[in-house]
Amino acid sequence: MIKSELVQKIADKNPHLYHKDVERIVNTILDEIVGTLSKNKRVELRGFGAFSVKHRPSRLARNPRTGEKVPVDEKYIPFFKTGKDLHRRLNKGYTGKK
């Protein structure tokens, strides 16, 4: 699901809200999550999961085509860990088929 589909789904379930207001709400929530992560803080949504930032230090990697060693800068990676409720709901009716 992409953001526009999420906004549409929320707007459909809440006909008393204007579409532009739902879009503003979703953008505000996502902006707050990004802003908090950029301060290297954790965001926990109970029953859903937790967003955090993992630090990857600089290292030497290998170019698979040439075998040459190349430096890779340090970086910060967003990380998501599912909450227990979400994990249970996802695996409740799992059949192994797509």
C-alpha atoms as a PDB file:
ATOM      1  CA  MET A   1       0.000   0.000   0.000  1.00  0.00           C
ATOM      2  CA  ILE A   2       1.275   3.441  -0.862  1.00  0.00           C
ATOM      3  CA  LYS A   3       0.550   6.655   1.022  1.00  0.00           C
ATOM      4  CA  SER A   4      -2.189   7.834  -1.348  1.00  0.00           C
ATOM      5  CA  GLU A   5      -4.001   4.486  -0.929  1.00  0.00           C
ATOM      6  CA  LEU A   6      -3.757   4.810   2.851  1.00  0.00           C
ATOM      7  CA  VAL A   7      -5.194   8.325   2.717  1.00  0.00           C
ATOM      8  CA  GLN A   8      -8.029   7.156   0.455  1.00  0.00           C
ATOM      9  CA  LYS A   9      -8.850   4.189   2.699  1.00  0.00           C
ATOM     10  CA  ILE A  10      -8.980   6.387   5.817  1.00  0.00           C
ATOM     11  CA  ALA A  11     -11.083   8.994   3.988  1.00  0.00           C
ATOM     12  CA  ASP A  12     -13.510   6.287   2.831  1.00  0.00           C
ATOM     13  CA  LYS A  13     -13.930   4.979   6.389  1.00  0.00           C
ATOM     14  CA  ASN A  14     -14.418   8.516   7.746  1.00  0.00           C
ATOM     15  CA  PRO A  15     -16.785  10.313   5.350  1.00  0.00           C
ATOM     16  CA  HIS A  16     -17.212  13.175   7.834  1.00  0.00           C
ATOM     17  CA  LEU A  17     -13.564  14.192   7.210  1.00  0.00           C
ATOM     18  CA  TYR A  18     -12.387  16.049   4.135  1.00  0.00           C
ATOM     19  CA  HIS A  19      -9.868  14.208   1.957  1.00  0.00           C
ATOM     20  CA  LYS A  20      -7.360  17.066   2.293  1.00  0.00           C
ATOM     21  CA  ASP A  21      -7.654  16.899   6.109  1.00  0.00           C
ATOM     22  CA  VAL A  22      -6.979  13.152   6.116  1.00  0.00           C
ATOM     23  CA  GLU A  23      -3.962  13.733   3.872  1.00  0.00           C
ATOM     24  CA  ARG A  24      -2.699  16.440   6.252  1.00  0.00           C
ATOM     25  CA  ILE A  25      -3.137  14.070   9.245  1.00  0.00           C
ATOM     26  CA  VAL A  26      -1.232  11.237   7.563  1.00  0.00           C
ATOM     27  CA  ASN A  27       1.559  13.614   6.474  1.00  0.00           C
ATOM     28  CA  THR A  28       1.803  15.054   9.990  1.00  0.00           C
ATOM     29  CA  ILE A  29       2.122  11.588  11.550  1.00  0.00           C
ATOM     30  CA  LEU A  30       4.781  10.521   9.065  1.00  0.00           C
ATOM     31  CA  ASP A  31       6.667  13.820   9.471  1.00  0.00           C
ATOM     32  CA  GLU A  32       6.692  13.363  13.256  1.00  0.00           C
ATOM     33  CA  ILE A  33       8.061   9.823  12.909  1.00  0.00           C
ATOM     34  CA  VAL A  34      10.802  11.009  10.529  1.00  0.00           C
ATOM     35  CA  GLY A  35      11.615  14.008  12.744  1.00  0.00           C
ATOM     36  CA  THR A  36      11.923  11.853  15.840  1.00  0.00           C
ATOM     37  CA  LEU A  37      14.097   9.283  14.053  1.00  0.00           C
ATOM     38  CA  SER A  38      16.342  12.055  12.731  1.00  0.00           C
ATOM     39  CA  LYS A  39      17.024  12.987  16.390  1.00  0.00           C
ATOM     40  CA  ASN A  40      18.120   9.358  16.901  1.00  0.00           C
ATOM     41  CA  LYS A  41      15.113   8.648  19.107  1.00  0.00           C
ATOM     42  CA  ARG A  42      12.746   5.683  19.031  1.00  0.00           C
ATOM     43  CA  VAL A  43       9.074   5.795  17.969  1.00  0.00           C
ATOM     44  CA  GLU A  44       6.781   3.158  19.447  1.00  0.00           C
ATOM     45  CA  LEU A  45       3.222   2.594  18.259  1.00  0.00           C
ATOM     46  CA  ARG A  46       1.686   0.189  20.766  1.00  0.00           C
ATOM     47  CA  GLY A  47       0.259  -2.905  19.160  1.00  0.00           C
ATOM     48  CA  PHE A  48       1.901  -2.061  15.837  1.00  0.00           C
ATOM     49  CA  GLY A  49       5.652  -1.837  16.312  1.00  0.00           C
ATOM     50  CA  ALA A  50       8.640   0.356  16.940  1.00  0.00           C
ATOM     51  CA  PHE A  51      10.800   2.421  14.615  1.00  0.00           C
ATOM     52  CA  SER A  52      14.421   3.043  15.525  1.00  0.00           C
ATOM     53  CA  VAL A  53      17.694   3.988  13.853  1.00  0.00           C
ATOM     54  CA  LYS A  54      20.658   1.661  13.487  1.00  0.00           C
ATOM     55  CA  HIS A  55      24.158   2.975  12.936  1.00  0.00           C
ATOM     56  CA  ARG A  56      26.333   1.305  10.316  1.00  0.00           C
ATOM     57  CA  PRO A  57      29.990   2.312  10.726  1.00  0.00           C
ATOM     58  CA  SER A  58      32.214   3.033   7.737  1.00  0.00           C
ATOM     59  CA  ARG A  59      33.894  -0.018   6.242  1.00  0.00           C
ATOM     60  CA  LEU A  60      35.751  -1.385   3.271  1.00  0.00           C
ATOM     61  CA  ALA A  61      33.566  -3.290   0.830  1.00  0.00           C
ATOM     62  CA  ARG A  62      34.349  -5.158  -2.355  1.00  0.00           C
ATOM     63  CA  ASN A  63      33.113  -4.254  -5.813  1.00  0.00           C
ATOM     64  CA  PRO A  64      31.674  -7.588  -7.013  1.00  0.00           C
ATOM     65  CA  ARG A  65      32.436  -6.831 -10.670  1.00  0.00           C
ATOM     66  CA  THR A  66      36.109  -5.883 -10.306  1.00  0.00           C
ATOM     67  CA  GLY A  67      37.007  -7.250  -6.875  1.00  0.00           C
ATOM     68  CA  GLU A  68      38.424  -3.832  -6.012  1.00  0.00           C
ATOM     69  CA  LYS A  69      38.066  -2.652  -2.406  1.00  0.00           C
ATOM     70  CA  VAL A  70      35.940   0.478  -2.035  1.00  0.00           C
ATOM     71  CA  PRO A  71      35.262   2.570   1.063  1.00  0.00           C
ATOM     72  CA  VAL A  72      31.651   2.812   2.260  1.00  0.00           C
ATOM     73  CA  ASP A  73      30.737   5.804   4.415  1.00  0.00           C
ATOM     74  CA  GLU A  74      28.978   5.413   7.737  1.00  0.00           C
ATOM     75  CA  LYS A  75      25.208   5.608   7.562  1.00  0.00           C
ATOM     76  CA  TYR A  76      22.096   5.508   9.670  1.00  0.00           C
ATOM     77  CA  ILE A  77      19.417   2.999   8.674  1.00  0.00           C
ATOM     78  CA  PRO A  78      15.753   3.118   9.744  1.00  0.00           C
ATOM     79  CA  PHE A  79      14.710  -0.124  11.431  1.00  0.00           C
ATOM     80  CA  PHE A  80      11.219  -1.443  12.200  1.00  0.00           C
ATOM     81  CA  LYS A  81      10.377  -4.162  14.684  1.00  0.00           C
ATOM     82  CA  THR A  82       6.815  -5.472  14.725  1.00  0.00           C
ATOM     83  CA  GLY A  83       4.847  -5.414  17.943  1.00  0.00           C
ATOM     84  CA  LYS A  84       3.453  -8.594  19.485  1.00  0.00           C
ATOM     85  CA  ASP A  85      -0.145  -7.812  18.499  1.00  0.00           C
ATOM     86  CA  LEU A  86       0.767  -7.160  14.859  1.00  0.00           C
ATOM     87  CA  HIS A  87       2.923 -10.273  14.745  1.00  0.00           C
ATOM     88  CA  ARG A  88       0.094 -12.423  16.135  1.00  0.00           C
ATOM     89  CA  ARG A  89      -2.479 -10.956  13.732  1.00  0.00           C
ATOM     90  CA  LEU A  90      -0.230 -11.522  10.729  1.00  0.00           C
ATOM     91  CA  ASN A  91       0.518 -15.121  11.650  1.00  0.00           C
ATOM     92  CA  LYS A  92      -2.958 -16.067  12.896  1.00  0.00           C
ATOM     93  CA  GLY A  93      -4.293 -17.243   9.550  1.00  0.00           C
ATOM     94  CA  TYR A  94      -1.006 -17.706   7.695  1.00  0.00           C
ATOM     95  CA  THR A  95      -1.237 -20.563   5.205  1.00  0.00           C
ATOM     96  CA  GLY A  96       2.123 -20.159   3.503  1.00  0.00           C
ATOM     97  CA  LYS A  97       0.480 -19.215   0.182  1.00  0.00           C
ATOM     98  CA  LYS A  98       0.558 -15.873  -1.566  1.00  0.00           C
END
